[in-house]
Protein backbone atom coordinates (compact mmCIF):
# COMPACT_ATOMS: atom_id res chain seq x y z
CA MET A 1 0.00 0.00 0.00
CA LYS A 2 1.14 3.54 -0.70
CA LEU A 3 0.38 4.98 2.68
CA ALA A 4 -1.32 8.22 1.75
CA SER A 5 -1.73 8.66 -1.96
CA LEU A 6 -3.27 12.05 -1.28
CA ILE A 7 -4.99 12.67 -4.57
CA LEU A 8 -7.09 15.32 -2.89
CA PRO A 9 -9.42 17.93 -4.31
CA LEU A 10 -8.31 21.53 -4.06
CA PHE A 11 -10.74 22.33 -1.23
CA LEU A 12 -8.98 19.84 1.04
CA PHE A 13 -5.54 21.21 0.28
CA SER A 14 -6.88 24.66 1.19
CA LEU A 15 -7.01 23.44 4.80
CA LEU A 16 -3.22 23.64 4.85
CA THR A 17 -2.84 26.97 6.63
CA ASP A 18 0.24 29.17 6.97
CA ALA A 19 0.36 28.27 10.65
CA ALA A 20 0.51 24.57 9.87
CA GLN A 21 3.36 25.14 7.43
CA LYS A 22 5.37 27.04 10.05
CA ASN A 23 5.02 24.17 12.52
CA VAL A 24 6.32 21.46 10.20
CA THR A 25 9.53 19.81 11.33
CA SER A 26 12.40 20.76 9.02
CA VAL A 27 12.99 17.22 7.71
CA ASP A 28 12.67 17.00 3.95
CA GLN A 29 13.42 13.32 3.44
CA ILE A 30 13.98 10.11 5.37
CA ASN A 31 15.93 7.10 4.14
CA GLY A 32 17.93 4.14 5.40
CA SER A 33 20.81 6.41 6.38
CA SER A 34 18.73 8.75 8.55
CA PRO A 35 19.62 8.64 12.27
CA ARG A 36 17.50 6.14 14.18
CA ASN A 37 16.76 8.52 17.03
CA LEU A 38 15.42 11.07 14.56
CA GLN A 39 13.25 8.46 12.84
CA ILE A 40 11.89 7.22 16.15
CA ALA A 41 11.03 10.74 17.33
CA ILE A 42 9.23 11.61 14.09
CA ALA A 43 7.38 8.28 13.93
CA LYS A 44 6.09 8.72 17.49
CA GLU A 45 4.80 12.23 16.67
CA ALA A 46 2.06 10.61 14.59
CA ALA A 47 -0.07 9.61 17.60
CA PRO A 48 -0.72 10.83 21.15
CA PRO A 49 2.03 9.76 23.60
CA GLU A 50 -0.49 7.46 25.29
CA VAL A 51 -0.50 5.48 22.04
CA SER A 52 2.98 5.83 20.57
CA ASP A 53 4.93 5.33 23.80
CA ALA A 54 3.65 1.74 24.00
CA ALA A 55 3.72 1.02 20.27
CA THR A 56 6.11 -1.08 18.22
CA ILE A 57 8.44 1.32 16.40
CA TYR A 58 9.96 0.69 12.98
CA VAL A 59 12.81 2.60 11.34
CA LEU A 60 14.33 2.42 7.89
CA ASP A 61 17.77 0.93 7.37
CA LYS A 62 19.63 -0.27 4.30
CA SER A 63 17.44 -3.38 3.93
CA GLY A 64 14.05 -1.81 4.63
CA TYR A 65 12.14 -1.43 7.89
CA ILE A 66 13.36 -2.99 11.11
CA ALA A 67 11.63 -3.01 14.52
CA VAL A 68 13.68 -1.16 17.13
CA GLN A 69 11.07 -1.09 19.91
CA GLN A 70 8.60 -3.85 20.72
CA GLY A 71 5.26 -2.48 21.85
CA SER A 72 2.56 -3.73 24.18
CA ASN A 73 -0.63 -2.10 22.86
CA GLY A 74 -0.89 -3.54 19.34
CA PHE A 75 -0.03 -0.26 17.59
CA SER A 76 2.86 0.14 15.14
CA CYS A 77 4.50 3.48 14.32
CA LEU A 78 6.86 4.31 11.48
CA ILE A 79 7.59 6.90 8.82
CA GLY A 80 5.72 5.82 5.71
CA ARG A 81 6.79 6.92 2.25
CA GLU A 82 4.36 7.02 -0.65
CA ARG A 83 7.41 8.04 -2.65
CA ALA A 84 11.07 8.11 -1.73
CA ASP A 85 10.84 11.88 -1.24
CA THR A 86 7.80 11.99 1.07
CA VAL A 87 7.68 11.89 4.87
CA GLU A 88 4.47 10.37 6.30
CA PRO A 89 4.67 9.42 10.00
CA ALA A 90 1.88 7.00 10.92
CA CYS A 91 0.72 4.81 13.78
CA PHE A 92 -1.45 1.83 12.81
CA ASP A 93 -3.77 0.15 15.27
CA ALA A 94 -3.67 -3.63 15.83
CA GLU A 95 -5.85 -4.39 12.81
CA GLY A 96 -3.78 -2.24 10.50
CA SER A 97 -0.57 -3.69 11.95
CA ALA A 98 -1.79 -7.18 11.06
CA THR A 99 -2.89 -6.24 7.52
CA THR A 100 -2.06 -2.97 5.75
CA LEU A 101 1.25 -2.40 7.49
CA LYS A 102 2.67 -5.52 5.84
CA THR A 103 2.44 -3.83 2.45
CA LEU A 104 4.51 -0.90 3.70
CA LEU A 105 7.17 -3.26 5.03
CA ARG A 106 7.22 -5.07 1.70
CA THR A 107 7.41 -1.81 -0.25
CA GLU A 108 10.56 -0.66 1.52
CA GLU A 109 12.08 -4.14 1.30
CA LEU A 110 11.70 -4.01 -2.49
CA ARG A 111 12.99 -0.43 -2.69
CA ALA A 112 16.09 -1.51 -0.82
CA GLN A 113 16.57 -4.19 -3.46
CA GLY A 114 16.50 -1.56 -6.18
CA LYS A 115 13.07 -2.44 -7.60
CA SER A 116 11.25 0.22 -9.60
CA GLU A 117 8.02 1.81 -8.33
CA ASP A 118 6.09 -0.01 -11.06
CA GLU A 119 7.56 -3.34 -10.02
CA ILE A 120 6.68 -2.63 -6.40
CA ALA A 121 3.10 -1.70 -7.29
CA GLN A 122 2.75 -4.94 -9.26
CA ASP A 123 4.12 -7.00 -6.37
CA ILE A 124 1.69 -5.44 -3.88
CA ALA A 125 -1.28 -5.87 -6.22
CA GLU A 126 -0.35 -9.51 -6.81
CA GLY A 127 -0.01 -10.00 -3.06
CA TYR A 128 -3.59 -8.89 -2.52
CA LYS A 129 -4.80 -11.16 -5.31
CA THR A 130 -3.05 -14.24 -3.92
CA GLY A 131 -3.97 -13.58 -0.29
CA ARG A 132 -0.41 -12.78 0.78
CA PHE A 133 -1.80 -9.41 1.87
CA GLN A 134 -5.23 -8.76 3.37
CA ALA A 135 -7.48 -5.75 3.60
CA PRO A 136 -8.43 -4.68 7.14
CA ARG A 137 -11.21 -6.94 8.40
CA LYS A 138 -12.85 -4.41 10.71
CA ALA A 139 -12.99 -0.69 11.40
CA GLY A 140 -9.85 0.92 12.73
CA ILE A 141 -7.59 3.97 12.73
CA VAL A 142 -4.26 5.23 11.44
CA TYR A 143 -2.94 8.24 13.35
CA MET A 144 -1.08 10.78 11.20
CA LEU A 145 -1.14 13.76 13.56
CA SER A 146 2.51 14.75 13.12
CA ASN A 147 3.50 18.22 11.97
CA SER A 148 6.26 16.53 9.95
CA ASN A 149 3.94 15.31 7.19
CA ARG A 150 5.29 15.99 3.70
CA VAL A 151 3.09 14.54 0.98
CA PHE A 152 2.92 14.59 -2.80
CA ASN A 153 0.44 17.10 -4.21
CA PRO A 154 -0.72 15.77 -7.60
CA GLU A 155 -2.09 19.18 -8.53
CA THR A 156 1.30 20.92 -8.38
CA LYS A 157 3.46 17.80 -8.78
CA LYS A 158 5.39 18.89 -5.69
CA VAL A 159 5.97 17.52 -2.19
CA ILE A 160 4.35 19.86 0.34
CA PRO A 161 3.69 20.06 4.09
CA PHE A 162 0.30 18.68 5.10
CA PRO A 163 -1.57 19.12 8.41
CA GLY A 164 -1.99 16.32 10.92
CA HIS A 165 -4.96 14.07 10.22
CA LEU A 166 -6.66 10.77 10.97
CA MET A 167 -7.33 7.93 8.55
CA PHE A 168 -9.95 5.19 8.93
CA TYR A 169 -10.00 1.85 7.11
CA ALA A 170 -12.65 1.66 4.42
CA PRO A 171 -11.76 -1.35 2.24
CA TYR A 172 -13.12 -1.06 -1.32
CA ALA A 173 -15.13 2.07 -0.43
CA THR A 174 -15.69 4.91 -2.89
CA ALA A 175 -17.12 8.40 -2.63
CA LYS A 176 -20.42 6.92 -3.82
CA GLU A 177 -20.81 5.08 -0.49
CA ILE A 178 -19.12 7.67 1.72
CA GLY A 179 -20.46 10.86 0.14
CA SER A 180 -18.55 13.89 -1.08
CA GLY A 181 -18.42 17.65 -0.79
CA GLU A 182 -17.15 20.07 1.84
CA GLY A 183 -17.16 18.45 5.26
CA ALA A 184 -17.14 14.88 3.91
CA PRO A 185 -14.10 12.65 4.44
CA TYR A 186 -11.94 12.07 1.40
CA VAL A 187 -11.43 8.49 0.21
CA VAL A 188 -7.87 7.46 -0.62
CA HIS A 189 -7.46 4.53 -3.07
CA PRO A 190 -11.21 4.29 -3.78
CA GLY A 191 -12.38 0.80 -4.64
CA GLN A 192 -9.13 -0.77 -3.48
CA PRO A 193 -8.47 -3.11 -0.51
CA ASP A 194 -6.37 -0.41 1.18
CA ALA A 195 -8.93 2.39 0.79
CA LEU A 196 -8.95 4.90 3.65
CA MET A 197 -11.05 7.84 4.75
CA ILE A 198 -9.12 11.01 5.66
CA VAL A 199 -10.39 13.35 8.36
CA ILE A 200 -8.57 16.50 9.52
CA PRO A 201 -9.48 17.16 13.18
CA GLN A 202 -10.44 20.73 13.99
CA ARG A 203 -11.16 22.15 17.42
CA SER A 204 -14.64 23.59 17.71
CA ASP A 205 -15.22 27.04 19.17
CA ALA A 206 -16.93 25.36 22.12
CA SER A 207 -13.96 23.13 22.93
CA ALA A 208 -11.54 26.02 22.51
CA LYS A 209 -13.65 28.16 24.88
CA ALA A 210 -13.83 25.31 27.42
CA SER A 211 -10.07 24.93 27.33
CA HIS A 212 -9.64 28.70 27.69
CA ASP A 213 -12.05 28.84 30.65
CA ALA A 214 -10.37 25.88 32.34
CA SER A 215 -6.98 27.56 31.98
CA HIS A 216 -8.27 30.75 33.58
CA LYS A 217 -9.85 28.81 36.44
CA THR A 218 -6.57 27.00 37.09
CA THR A 219 -4.65 30.28 37.07
CA ALA A 220 -7.17 31.89 39.41
CA ALA A 221 -7.03 28.94 41.79
CA LYS A 222 -3.25 29.22 42.03
CA LYS A 223 -3.63 32.85 43.11
CA LEU A 224 -6.02 32.05 45.97
CA PRO A 225 -4.53 32.49 49.43
CA VAL A 226 -3.67 29.31 51.27
CA ASN A 227 -5.16 28.98 54.76
CA PRO A 228 -2.54 28.43 57.47
């Protein structure tokens, strides 16, 4: 699977604000020579610490992905690459780790062997046909909340920063089943076994106000005199 083949309509790319671009980690590419500590840090950015701290962590080396931390919660975190020049930190849940993740591991294994992108795509497609790879068998999530996301924009043919987002398994789904238009999730790889729905979380005014009020209450409480 190509982790996030973000063939997105222009309205979705418009959600990439100037603020988001300024927060992106200054890492343009990751490969088998990239420092492991850097790869681990970026991979773990994809999910909340409560998830990534207990996840299995993969990094790229000269032969493909290798596990450098064994997790205990079923999640797997790594830096995915749709292309060799993209940076796509992701944390798969247990279902994704048992299914879709295997195609990412295979992709980087073949890249390390010098296979072309067409050859890799053919191998993955054949793997799904023969049952070597499986589509997710139930609903689940892929966290991609990192500010380090750099994805390929098919409109401009350039790699660009992209805001943190969530992806949900939707095997073989298309926009016909999911719906389309502003506010609807976008379907990646429609009709394919690795189809996903993309959602960009946004804080509502109500949640922002609640957080603001809670902060003020905490500050006020700290200023209260303490009885002897």
